[in-house]
Protein backbone atom coordinates (compact mmCIF):
# COMPACT_ATOMS: atom_id res chain seq x y z
CA UNK A 1 0.46 16.55 -0.22
CA UNK A 2 1.73 13.22 -1.61
CA UNK A 3 2.02 10.55 0.32
CA UNK A 4 5.66 9.21 0.66
CA UNK A 5 6.37 5.47 -0.94
CA UNK A 6 8.16 3.35 1.36
CA UNK A 7 11.53 1.74 -0.54
CA UNK A 8 13.46 -0.88 0.52
CA UNK A 9 15.61 1.29 2.92
CA UNK A 10 12.71 2.62 4.78
CA UNK A 11 9.18 1.96 6.18
CA UNK A 12 6.20 4.23 7.50
CA UNK A 13 6.04 5.43 11.02
CA UNK A 14 3.22 7.14 12.02
CA UNK A 15 4.15 9.86 14.23
CA UNK A 16 1.32 10.01 16.89
CA UNK A 17 1.55 6.71 18.21
CA UNK A 18 4.80 5.02 17.11
CA UNK A 19 2.73 2.20 14.90
CA UNK A 20 5.23 0.33 12.48
CA UNK A 21 3.06 -2.44 10.62
CA UNK A 22 -0.43 -1.77 10.83
CA UNK A 23 -1.84 0.58 8.05
CA UNK A 24 -4.79 1.33 5.82
CA UNK A 25 -4.07 2.23 2.09
CA UNK A 26 -6.12 3.74 -0.05
CA UNK A 27 -4.78 3.67 -3.48
CA UNK A 28 -5.25 4.05 -7.24
CA UNK A 29 -4.26 1.76 -9.63
CA UNK A 30 -4.54 1.44 -13.31
CA UNK A 31 -3.38 -2.21 -14.87
CA UNK A 32 -3.98 -4.85 -17.09
CA UNK A 33 -4.85 -8.36 -15.52
CA UNK A 34 -5.27 -11.62 -17.79
CA UNK A 35 -8.38 -13.39 -16.14
CA UNK A 36 -8.88 -16.95 -16.41
CA UNK A 37 -12.27 -18.41 -16.36
CA UNK A 38 -13.14 -21.86 -15.26
CA UNK A 39 -15.33 -23.56 -16.77
CA UNK A 40 -17.78 -22.65 -13.96
CA UNK A 41 -17.53 -19.06 -15.23
CA UNK A 42 -15.06 -18.24 -11.67
CA UNK A 43 -12.35 -16.29 -12.46
CA UNK A 44 -8.92 -16.16 -11.41
CA UNK A 45 -6.65 -13.23 -12.30
CA UNK A 46 -3.50 -15.06 -13.26
CA UNK A 47 -0.97 -12.05 -14.46
CA UNK A 48 -1.22 -8.05 -13.70
CA UNK A 49 0.84 -5.50 -15.23
CA UNK A 50 0.50 -2.16 -13.15
CA UNK A 51 0.57 0.47 -15.35
CA UNK A 52 0.16 3.63 -13.19
CA UNK A 53 -0.59 3.32 -9.38
CA UNK A 54 -0.51 6.54 -6.61
CA UNK A 55 -1.06 6.30 -3.21
CA UNK A 56 -3.77 8.87 -1.72
CA UNK A 57 -3.67 8.55 1.94
CA UNK A 58 -2.23 6.53 4.47
CA UNK A 59 -4.39 6.01 7.70
CA UNK A 60 -2.57 4.70 11.04
CA UNK A 61 -4.70 1.81 12.12
CA UNK A 62 -3.80 1.80 16.06
CA UNK A 63 -5.09 5.41 16.35
CA UNK A 64 -7.10 6.45 13.04
CA UNK A 65 -4.26 9.47 12.99
CA UNK A 66 -4.84 9.97 8.51
CA UNK A 67 -1.54 11.72 6.85
CA UNK A 68 1.17 12.02 10.38
CA UNK A 69 2.98 9.14 8.77
CA UNK A 70 6.82 9.55 8.23
CA UNK A 71 9.50 7.67 6.25
CA UNK A 72 11.90 6.75 9.04
CA UNK A 73 14.96 4.06 8.04
CA UNK A 74 14.34 0.23 8.79
CA UNK A 75 16.60 -1.49 10.99
CA UNK A 76 20.26 -3.28 9.96
CA UNK A 77 19.88 -7.19 9.47
């Protein structure tokens, strides 16, 4: 079952405990990184182009519920 992705108008909410702020997200990303190595050989990613991304699961950090996340409207600003 695909995990719903939040938008500018929506956000995640755990249906079991009501959590709105803390989630562990498992995702797969296919990306091209521009990596700069300093003179000591330490890498820094300076640019990233995401080619493909998919969310596999979202787990509530408060109650450990998996696949119990729904999209709800964000409060008005």
